[in-house]
């Protein structure tokens, strides 16, 4: 957390906020699932068994254009390798089939196309190496259990977002 509002808070308020945040993350991490996906309400099912795991609901840039692409894999996935392969395939397919939109997402105009060219080169290589990197048969974490998480509550994503947005 950074910025003027955070910096203006006294130390005790900051510590309270950090402790509350840690408690929330700890509680979320205790909820475990056998696949990667999004939670949905089951139709006409009362609590506490009223949720089910289904296709991931993510809000990506130009998501309305992406859903019309030939490969539209939203899971759920049984391994982290399956999830990562689907994410990268989605991005590569978007770049190949909709370069007009993808170039704006990848900062084509910001740096004269350097990030765009790098993404075109690196993403397919990374996708093709998933088996070497993530799908190690000795990796007991790749197949779960997976924990409940949300991008808004991930400090690393907040750092990346801040770095990308330049804030």
Protein backbone atom coordinates (compact mmCIF):
# COMPACT_ATOMS: atom_id res chain seq x y z
CA UNK A 1 0.00 0.00 0.00
CA UNK A 2 1.34 3.33 -0.94
CA UNK A 3 0.24 6.82 -1.89
CA UNK A 4 -0.74 9.95 -0.02
CA UNK A 5 -3.78 8.54 1.88
CA UNK A 6 -1.71 5.65 3.27
CA UNK A 7 1.27 7.83 4.10
CA UNK A 8 -0.95 10.24 6.02
CA UNK A 9 -2.20 7.54 8.43
CA UNK A 10 -0.58 7.13 11.81
CA UNK A 11 1.43 4.00 12.59
CA UNK A 12 -1.25 2.41 14.81
CA UNK A 13 -3.90 2.67 12.08
CA UNK A 14 -1.47 1.19 9.54
CA UNK A 15 -0.66 -1.73 11.86
CA UNK A 16 -4.35 -2.40 12.46
CA UNK A 17 -5.01 -2.41 8.70
CA UNK A 18 -2.09 -4.78 8.06
CA UNK A 19 -3.22 -7.16 10.82
CA UNK A 20 -6.81 -7.16 9.49
CA UNK A 21 -5.54 -7.83 5.98
CA UNK A 22 -3.40 -10.73 7.25
CA UNK A 23 -6.40 -12.24 9.07
CA UNK A 24 -8.51 -12.09 5.89
CA UNK A 25 -5.78 -13.75 3.81
CA UNK A 26 -5.30 -16.45 6.47
CA UNK A 27 -9.03 -17.26 6.52
CA UNK A 28 -9.18 -17.41 2.70
CA UNK A 29 -6.15 -19.71 2.61
CA UNK A 30 -7.96 -22.24 4.80
CA UNK A 31 -10.62 -22.81 2.12
CA UNK A 32 -9.25 -25.52 -0.16
CA UNK A 33 -10.43 -26.81 -3.53
CA UNK A 34 -9.43 -29.68 -5.82
CA UNK A 35 -9.43 -27.52 -8.96
CA UNK A 36 -8.86 -23.95 -10.16
CA UNK A 37 -11.98 -22.03 -11.11
CA UNK A 38 -14.53 -19.56 -9.82
CA UNK A 39 -17.21 -20.05 -7.19
CA UNK A 40 -20.86 -19.92 -8.17
CA UNK A 41 -24.12 -20.31 -6.30
CA UNK A 42 -25.78 -23.67 -6.93
CA UNK A 43 -29.28 -23.31 -8.28
CA UNK A 44 -31.92 -23.68 -5.55
CA UNK A 45 -29.49 -25.08 -2.97
CA UNK A 46 -29.61 -23.76 0.60
CA UNK A 47 -26.49 -22.96 2.63
CA UNK A 48 -24.00 -24.20 3.61
CA UNK A 49 -23.63 -26.35 0.43
CA UNK A 50 -24.84 -23.67 -1.94
CA UNK A 51 -21.57 -23.11 -3.85
CA UNK A 52 -19.90 -24.95 -6.70
CA UNK A 53 -16.67 -24.57 -8.63
CA UNK A 54 -17.11 -23.67 -12.28
CA UNK A 55 -15.39 -21.88 -15.17
CA UNK A 56 -13.16 -19.03 -14.15
CA UNK A 57 -14.67 -15.57 -14.33
CA UNK A 58 -11.88 -13.16 -15.10
CA UNK A 59 -12.10 -9.69 -16.43
CA UNK A 60 -9.37 -9.36 -19.03
CA UNK A 61 -8.83 -6.48 -21.41
CA UNK A 62 -11.17 -6.80 -24.39
CA UNK A 63 -12.91 -9.82 -22.83
CA UNK A 64 -15.93 -9.44 -25.13
CA UNK A 65 -13.68 -9.95 -28.19
CA UNK A 66 -11.84 -12.87 -26.56
CA UNK A 67 -14.98 -14.95 -26.04
CA UNK A 68 -15.43 -15.17 -29.83
CA UNK A 69 -11.99 -16.74 -30.35
CA UNK A 70 -11.85 -20.46 -31.31
CA UNK A 71 -10.24 -21.67 -28.07
CA UNK A 72 -12.14 -20.38 -25.06
CA UNK A 73 -10.97 -22.54 -22.15
CA UNK A 74 -12.17 -21.20 -18.80
CA UNK A 75 -11.72 -24.40 -16.79
CA UNK A 76 -12.06 -25.46 -14.14
CA UNK A 77 -8.56 -26.96 -14.26
CA UNK A 78 -7.18 -29.81 -12.15
CA UNK A 79 -3.56 -28.61 -12.20
CA UNK A 80 -1.73 -25.30 -12.17
CA UNK A 81 -0.08 -26.30 -15.46
CA UNK A 82 -3.48 -26.66 -17.15
CA UNK A 83 -4.50 -23.26 -15.83
CA UNK A 84 -1.31 -21.53 -16.96
CA UNK A 85 -1.44 -23.17 -20.39
CA UNK A 86 -5.02 -21.93 -20.84
CA UNK A 87 -4.11 -18.39 -19.75
CA UNK A 88 -1.16 -18.22 -22.13
CA UNK A 89 -3.06 -19.85 -25.01
CA UNK A 90 -5.80 -17.26 -24.55
CA UNK A 91 -3.31 -14.40 -24.69
CA UNK A 92 -1.36 -15.79 -27.67
CA UNK A 93 -4.55 -16.48 -29.62
CA UNK A 94 -5.79 -12.96 -28.85
CA UNK A 95 -2.51 -11.47 -30.07
CA UNK A 96 -2.57 -13.52 -33.28
CA UNK A 97 -6.25 -13.13 -34.17
CA UNK A 98 -6.93 -9.62 -32.85
CA UNK A 99 -3.62 -7.74 -33.09
CA UNK A 100 -5.52 -4.46 -33.47
CA UNK A 101 -6.84 -4.83 -29.91
CA UNK A 102 -3.94 -6.79 -28.43
CA UNK A 103 -1.38 -4.17 -29.37
CA UNK A 104 -3.16 -1.58 -27.26
CA UNK A 105 -3.25 -4.00 -24.30
CA UNK A 106 0.46 -4.76 -24.59
CA UNK A 107 1.56 -1.12 -24.81
CA UNK A 108 2.41 -1.03 -28.52
CA UNK A 109 2.11 2.75 -28.67
CA UNK A 110 3.93 3.38 -25.39
CA UNK A 111 7.38 2.08 -26.36
CA UNK A 112 7.32 1.88 -30.15
CA UNK A 113 6.27 -1.77 -30.08
CA UNK A 114 9.13 -3.25 -28.03
CA UNK A 115 6.81 -4.78 -25.40
CA UNK A 116 4.51 -6.07 -28.16
CA UNK A 117 7.38 -7.81 -29.97
CA UNK A 118 8.71 -9.21 -26.70
CA UNK A 119 5.26 -10.60 -25.79
CA UNK A 120 4.95 -12.21 -29.24
CA UNK A 121 8.27 -13.97 -28.70
CA UNK A 122 8.22 -14.86 -25.01
CA UNK A 123 4.61 -15.97 -24.42
CA UNK A 124 4.67 -18.89 -26.91
CA UNK A 125 8.06 -20.01 -25.59
CA UNK A 126 6.82 -19.90 -22.02
CA UNK A 127 3.63 -21.83 -22.89
CA UNK A 128 5.67 -24.49 -24.67
CA UNK A 129 7.93 -24.93 -21.62
CA UNK A 130 5.15 -25.35 -19.02
CA UNK A 131 5.68 -29.11 -18.94
CA UNK A 132 9.38 -28.58 -18.17
CA UNK A 133 8.78 -25.91 -15.54
CA UNK A 134 5.50 -26.59 -13.78
CA UNK A 135 4.35 -30.13 -14.57
CA UNK A 136 7.09 -31.91 -12.69
CA UNK A 137 5.67 -35.27 -11.52
CA UNK A 138 7.38 -34.77 -8.16
CA UNK A 139 5.67 -31.40 -7.58
CA UNK A 140 2.91 -32.16 -5.09
CA UNK A 141 1.56 -28.59 -5.24
CA UNK A 142 0.69 -28.52 -8.95
CA UNK A 143 -2.40 -30.68 -8.44
CA UNK A 144 -3.74 -28.86 -5.41
CA UNK A 145 -5.33 -28.51 -3.09
CA UNK A 146 -5.85 -24.93 -4.21
CA UNK A 147 -6.86 -22.10 -1.92
CA UNK A 148 -9.38 -19.34 -2.35
CA UNK A 149 -7.73 -16.18 -3.58
CA UNK A 150 -8.72 -12.93 -5.18
CA UNK A 151 -6.50 -10.61 -7.20
CA UNK A 152 -7.66 -7.59 -5.17
CA UNK A 153 -6.29 -9.23 -2.02
CA UNK A 154 -2.96 -10.35 -3.43
CA UNK A 155 -0.14 -8.02 -2.34
CA UNK A 156 2.12 -9.19 -5.18
CA UNK A 157 -0.53 -8.30 -7.79
CA UNK A 158 -0.92 -4.91 -6.13
CA UNK A 159 2.83 -4.35 -6.46
CA UNK A 160 2.74 -5.42 -10.12
CA UNK A 161 -0.29 -3.24 -10.85
CA UNK A 162 1.42 -0.28 -9.24
CA UNK A 163 4.59 -0.92 -11.22
CA UNK A 164 2.73 -1.35 -14.52
CA UNK A 165 0.53 1.70 -13.95
CA UNK A 166 3.51 3.71 -12.77
CA UNK A 167 1.81 4.77 -9.55
